[in-house]
Amino acid sequence: MTTTTTCEPARSRAVLSTQDFQLLQEAVLFYLRAHEDDPISSKYSNLYHRLSSAARR
């Protein structure tokens, strides 16, 4: 008689902490202020707002 053991996957962990999101948000804000005239800055602005909403979770 053969018995098989099933292993459940390990519980997933958060990759970034709330503090990490805040640090990233500050870095993006620093970039935005230094590069206001850059056409790509709108993408960084969107990232800034997404980081803000992620940090509140």
PDB file of N, CA and C in Angstrom:
ATOM      1  N   MET A   1       0.838  -1.172   0.000  1.00  0.00           N
ATOM      2  CA  MET A   1       0.000   0.000   0.000  1.00  0.00           C
ATOM      3  C   MET A   1       0.892   1.248   0.000  1.00  0.00           C
ATOM      4  N   THR A   2       0.590   2.166  -0.890  1.00  0.00           N
ATOM      5  CA  THR A   2       1.382   3.382  -1.022  1.00  0.00           C
ATOM      6  C   THR A   2       0.578   4.569  -0.511  1.00  0.00           C
ATOM      7  N   THR A   3       1.222   5.387   0.289  1.00  0.00           N
ATOM      8  CA  THR A   3       0.564   6.610   0.762  1.00  0.00           C
ATOM      9  C   THR A   3       1.238   7.802   0.115  1.00  0.00           C
ATOM     10  N   THR A   4       0.449   8.743  -0.253  1.00  0.00           N
ATOM     11  CA  THR A   4       0.994   9.969  -0.842  1.00  0.00           C
ATOM     12  C   THR A   4       0.717  11.122   0.093  1.00  0.00           C
ATOM     13  N   THR A   5       1.686  11.950   0.224  1.00  0.00           N
ATOM     14  CA  THR A   5       1.554  13.122   1.075  1.00  0.00           C
ATOM     15  C   THR A   5       1.403  14.346   0.184  1.00  0.00           C
ATOM     16  N   THR A   6       0.377  15.118   0.441  1.00  0.00           N
ATOM     17  CA  THR A   6       0.211  16.356  -0.321  1.00  0.00           C
ATOM     18  C   THR A   6       0.666  17.518   0.539  1.00  0.00           C
ATOM     19  N   CYS A   7       1.488  18.316  -0.030  1.00  0.00           N
ATOM     20  CA  CYS A   7       1.991  19.491   0.669  1.00  0.00           C
ATOM     21  C   CYS A   7       1.278  20.723   0.127  1.00  0.00           C
ATOM     22  N   GLU A   8       0.792  21.511   1.034  1.00  0.00           N
ATOM     23  CA  GLU A   8       0.157  22.760   0.606  1.00  0.00           C
ATOM     24  C   GLU A   8       1.245  23.787   0.357  1.00  0.00           C
ATOM     25  N   PRO A   9       1.014  24.682  -0.590  1.00  0.00           N
ATOM     26  CA  PRO A   9       2.024  25.714  -0.857  1.00  0.00           C
ATOM     27  C   PRO A   9       2.197  26.616   0.363  1.00  0.00           C
ATOM     28  N   ALA A  10       3.396  27.129   0.493  1.00  0.00           N
ATOM     29  CA  ALA A  10       3.685  28.042   1.596  1.00  0.00           C
ATOM     30  C   ALA A  10       2.836  29.298   1.458  1.00  0.00           C
ATOM     31  N   ARG A  11       2.508  29.869   2.570  1.00  0.00           N
ATOM     32  CA  ARG A  11       1.711  31.088   2.574  1.00  0.00           C
ATOM     33  C   ARG A  11       2.498  32.224   1.935  1.00  0.00           C
ATOM     34  N   SER A  12       1.847  32.976   1.074  1.00  0.00           N
ATOM     35  CA  SER A  12       2.548  34.060   0.383  1.00  0.00           C
ATOM     36  C   SER A  12       2.769  35.236   1.331  1.00  0.00           C
ATOM     37  N   ARG A  13       3.855  35.935   1.080  1.00  0.00           N
ATOM     38  CA  ARG A  13       4.192  37.098   1.895  1.00  0.00           C
ATOM     39  C   ARG A  13       4.185  38.338   1.015  1.00  0.00           C
ATOM     40  N   ALA A  14       3.939  39.460   1.632  1.00  0.00           N
ATOM     41  CA  ALA A  14       3.997  40.724   0.907  1.00  0.00           C
ATOM     42  C   ALA A  14       5.456  41.003   0.526  1.00  0.00           C
ATOM     43  N   VAL A  15       5.655  41.459  -0.675  1.00  0.00           N
ATOM     44  CA  VAL A  15       7.004  41.752  -1.142  1.00  0.00           C
ATOM     45  C   VAL A  15       7.452  43.116  -0.635  1.00  0.00           C
ATOM     46  N   LEU A  16       6.540  44.068  -0.619  1.00  0.00           N
ATOM     47  CA  LEU A  16       6.852  45.421  -0.160  1.00  0.00           C
ATOM     48  C   LEU A  16       6.020  45.762   1.074  1.00  0.00           C
ATOM     49  N   SER A  17       6.626  46.457   1.994  1.00  0.00           N
ATOM     50  CA  SER A  17       5.901  46.902   3.184  1.00  0.00           C
ATOM     51  C   SER A  17       5.256  48.258   2.914  1.00  0.00           C
ATOM     52  N   THR A  18       4.414  48.677   3.827  1.00  0.00           N
ATOM     53  CA  THR A  18       3.781  49.993   3.719  1.00  0.00           C
ATOM     54  C   THR A  18       4.842  51.084   3.703  1.00  0.00           C
ATOM     55  N   GLN A  19       5.877  50.905   4.505  1.00  0.00           N
ATOM     56  CA  GLN A  19       6.960  51.885   4.543  1.00  0.00           C
ATOM     57  C   GLN A  19       7.680  51.950   3.196  1.00  0.00           C
ATOM     58  N   ASP A  20       7.822  50.817   2.531  1.00  0.00           N
ATOM     59  CA  ASP A  20       8.452  50.800   1.201  1.00  0.00           C
ATOM     60  C   ASP A  20       7.646  51.638   0.209  1.00  0.00           C
ATOM     61  N   PHE A  21       6.315  51.501   0.249  1.00  0.00           N
ATOM     62  CA  PHE A  21       5.467  52.290  -0.643  1.00  0.00           C
ATOM     63  C   PHE A  21       5.639  53.779  -0.373  1.00  0.00           C
ATOM     64  N   GLN A  22       5.749  54.143   0.898  1.00  0.00           N
ATOM     65  CA  GLN A  22       5.930  55.559   1.239  1.00  0.00           C
ATOM     66  C   GLN A  22       7.268  56.079   0.731  1.00  0.00           C
ATOM     67  N   LEU A  23       8.317  55.277   0.865  1.00  0.00           N
ATOM     68  CA  LEU A  23       9.631  55.682   0.360  1.00  0.00           C
ATOM     69  C   LEU A  23       9.633  55.829  -1.156  1.00  0.00           C
ATOM     70  N   LEU A  24       9.015  54.875  -1.836  1.00  0.00           N
ATOM     71  CA  LEU A  24       8.920  54.959  -3.297  1.00  0.00           C
ATOM     72  C   LEU A  24       8.120  56.185  -3.724  1.00  0.00           C
ATOM     73  N   GLN A  25       7.053  56.464  -3.002  1.00  0.00           N
ATOM     74  CA  GLN A  25       6.230  57.629  -3.320  1.00  0.00           C
ATOM     75  C   GLN A  25       7.042  58.918  -3.160  1.00  0.00           C
ATOM     76  N   GLU A  26       7.837  59.018  -2.102  1.00  0.00           N
ATOM     77  CA  GLU A  26       8.688  60.198  -1.908  1.00  0.00           C
ATOM     78  C   GLU A  26       9.706  60.336  -3.034  1.00  0.00           C
ATOM     79  N   ALA A  27      10.283  59.219  -3.466  1.00  0.00           N
ATOM     80  CA  ALA A  27      11.270  59.253  -4.556  1.00  0.00           C
ATOM     81  C   ALA A  27      10.626  59.705  -5.858  1.00  0.00           C
ATOM     82  N   VAL A  28       9.422  59.210  -6.134  1.00  0.00           N
ATOM     83  CA  VAL A  28       8.718  59.605  -7.354  1.00  0.00           C
ATOM     84  C   VAL A  28       8.352  61.087  -7.289  1.00  0.00           C
ATOM     85  N   LEU A  29       7.926  61.557  -6.124  1.00  0.00           N
ATOM     86  CA  LEU A  29       7.600  62.975  -5.966  1.00  0.00           C
ATOM     87  C   LEU A  29       8.835  63.844  -6.199  1.00  0.00           C
ATOM     88  N   PHE A  30       9.986  63.419  -5.692  1.00  0.00           N
ATOM     89  CA  PHE A  30      11.236  64.150  -5.913  1.00  0.00           C
ATOM     90  C   PHE A  30      11.526  64.238  -7.410  1.00  0.00           C
ATOM     91  N   TYR A  31      11.359  63.110  -8.122  1.00  0.00           N
ATOM     92  CA  TYR A  31      11.582  63.088  -9.566  1.00  0.00           C
ATOM     93  C   TYR A  31      10.607  64.033 -10.274  1.00  0.00           C
ATOM     94  N   LEU A  32       9.333  63.981  -9.866  1.00  0.00           N
ATOM     95  CA  LEU A  32       8.323  64.829 -10.511  1.00  0.00           C
ATOM     96  C   LEU A  32       8.658  66.310 -10.381  1.00  0.00           C
ATOM     97  N   ARG A  33       9.092  66.700  -9.207  1.00  0.00           N
ATOM     98  CA  ARG A  33       9.423  68.117  -8.986  1.00  0.00           C
ATOM     99  C   ARG A  33      10.645  68.541  -9.796  1.00  0.00           C
ATOM    100  N   ALA A  34      11.582  67.628  -9.989  1.00  0.00           N
ATOM    101  CA  ALA A  34      12.806  67.947 -10.729  1.00  0.00           C
ATOM    102  C   ALA A  34      12.604  67.902 -12.239  1.00  0.00           C
ATOM    103  N   HIS A  35      11.565  67.202 -12.705  1.00  0.00           N
ATOM    104  CA  HIS A  35      11.356  67.008 -14.146  1.00  0.00           C
ATOM    105  C   HIS A  35       9.933  67.370 -14.564  1.00  0.00           C
ATOM    106  N   GLU A  36       9.446  68.480 -14.083  1.00  0.00           N
ATOM    107  CA  GLU A  36       8.064  68.884 -14.367  1.00  0.00           C
ATOM    108  C   GLU A  36       7.773  69.031 -15.855  1.00  0.00           C
ATOM    109  N   ASP A  37       8.741  69.458 -16.633  1.00  0.00           N
ATOM    110  CA  ASP A  37       8.516  69.727 -18.055  1.00  0.00           C
ATOM    111  C   ASP A  37       8.694  68.491 -18.941  1.00  0.00           C
ATOM    112  N   ASP A  38       9.113  67.395 -18.359  1.00  0.00           N
ATOM    113  CA  ASP A  38       9.349  66.171 -19.122  1.00  0.00           C
ATOM    114  C   ASP A  38       8.006  65.552 -19.525  1.00  0.00           C
ATOM    115  N   PRO A  39       7.838  65.206 -20.800  1.00  0.00           N
ATOM    116  CA  PRO A  39       6.562  64.624 -21.245  1.00  0.00           C
ATOM    117  C   PRO A  39       6.190  63.317 -20.533  1.00  0.00           C
ATOM    118  N   ILE A  40       7.175  62.576 -20.081  1.00  0.00           N
ATOM    119  CA  ILE A  40       6.894  61.309 -19.403  1.00  0.00           C
ATOM    120  C   ILE A  40       6.434  61.518 -17.949  1.00  0.00           C
ATOM    121  N   SER A  41       6.505  62.746 -17.465  1.00  0.00           N
ATOM    122  CA  SER A  41       6.162  63.002 -16.065  1.00  0.00           C
ATOM    123  C   SER A  41       4.713  62.641 -15.741  1.00  0.00           C
ATOM    124  N   SER A  42       3.835  62.623 -16.719  1.00  0.00           N
ATOM    125  CA  SER A  42       2.446  62.236 -16.444  1.00  0.00           C
ATOM    126  C   SER A  42       2.372  60.764 -16.012  1.00  0.00           C
ATOM    127  N   LYS A  43       3.236  59.936 -16.565  1.00  0.00           N
ATOM    128  CA  LYS A  43       3.270  58.531 -16.157  1.00  0.00           C
ATOM    129  C   LYS A  43       3.768  58.408 -14.719  1.00  0.00           C
ATOM    130  N   TYR A  44       4.741  59.232 -14.351  1.00  0.00           N
ATOM    131  CA  TYR A  44       5.235  59.228 -12.983  1.00  0.00           C
ATOM    132  C   TYR A  44       4.181  59.777 -12.018  1.00  0.00           C
ATOM    133  N   SER A  45       3.419  60.728 -12.482  1.00  0.00           N
ATOM    134  CA  SER A  45       2.335  61.261 -11.662  1.00  0.00           C
ATOM    135  C   SER A  45       1.299  60.180 -11.376  1.00  0.00           C
ATOM    136  N   ASN A  46       0.955  59.399 -12.386  1.00  0.00           N
ATOM    137  CA  ASN A  46       0.022  58.289 -12.187  1.00  0.00           C
ATOM    138  C   ASN A  46       0.590  57.261 -11.210  1.00  0.00           C
ATOM    139  N   LEU A  47       1.873  56.972 -11.337  1.00  0.00           N
ATOM    140  CA  LEU A  47       2.530  56.040 -10.425  1.00  0.00           C
ATOM    141  C   LEU A  47       2.485  56.575  -9.002  1.00  0.00           C
ATOM    142  N   TYR A  48       2.739  57.861  -8.846  1.00  0.00           N
ATOM    143  CA  TYR A  48       2.690  58.493  -7.522  1.00  0.00           C
ATOM    144  C   TYR A  48       1.324  58.272  -6.864  1.00  0.00           C
ATOM    145  N   HIS A  49       0.273  58.460  -7.609  1.00  0.00           N
ATOM    146  CA  HIS A  49      -1.079  58.298  -7.056  1.00  0.00           C
ATOM    147  C   HIS A  49      -1.399  56.829  -6.774  1.00  0.00           C
ATOM    148  N   ARG A  50      -0.914  55.921  -7.613  1.00  0.00           N
ATOM    149  CA  ARG A  50      -1.136  54.490  -7.345  1.00  0.00           C
ATOM    150  C   ARG A  50      -0.397  54.060  -6.084  1.00  0.00           C
ATOM    151  N   LEU A  51       0.823  54.565  -5.897  1.00  0.00           N
ATOM    152  CA  LEU A  51       1.574  54.247  -4.680  1.00  0.00           C
ATOM    153  C   LEU A  51       0.858  54.778  -3.443  1.00  0.00           C
ATOM    154  N   SER A  52       0.251  55.935  -3.590  1.00  0.00           N
ATOM    155  CA  SER A  52      -0.486  56.523  -2.480  1.00  0.00           C
ATOM    156  C   SER A  52      -1.654  55.639  -2.062  1.00  0.00           C
ATOM    157  N   SER A  53      -2.386  55.141  -3.043  1.00  0.00           N
ATOM    158  CA  SER A  53      -3.536  54.294  -2.717  1.00  0.00           C
ATOM    159  C   SER A  53      -3.077  52.938  -2.187  1.00  0.00           C
ATOM    160  N   ALA A  54      -1.944  52.438  -2.640  1.00  0.00           N
ATOM    161  CA  ALA A  54      -1.424  51.152  -2.156  1.00  0.00           C
ATOM    162  C   ALA A  54      -0.931  51.269  -0.722  1.00  0.00           C
ATOM    163  N   ALA A  55      -0.368  52.405  -0.363  1.00  0.00           N
ATOM    164  CA  ALA A  55       0.156  52.599   0.983  1.00  0.00           C
ATOM    165  C   ALA A  55      -0.966  52.674   2.015  1.00  0.00           C
ATOM    166  N   ARG A  56      -2.155  53.062   1.597  1.00  0.00           N
ATOM    167  CA  ARG A  56      -3.283  53.167   2.530  1.00  0.00           C
ATOM    168  C   ARG A  56      -3.918  51.825   2.845  1.00  0.00           C
ATOM    169  N   ARG A  57      -3.610  50.796   2.093  1.00  0.00           N
ATOM    170  CA  ARG A  57      -4.223  49.474   2.322  1.00  0.00           C
ATOM    171  C   ARG A  57      -3.683  48.797   3.533  1.00  0.00           C
TER     172      ARG A  57
END
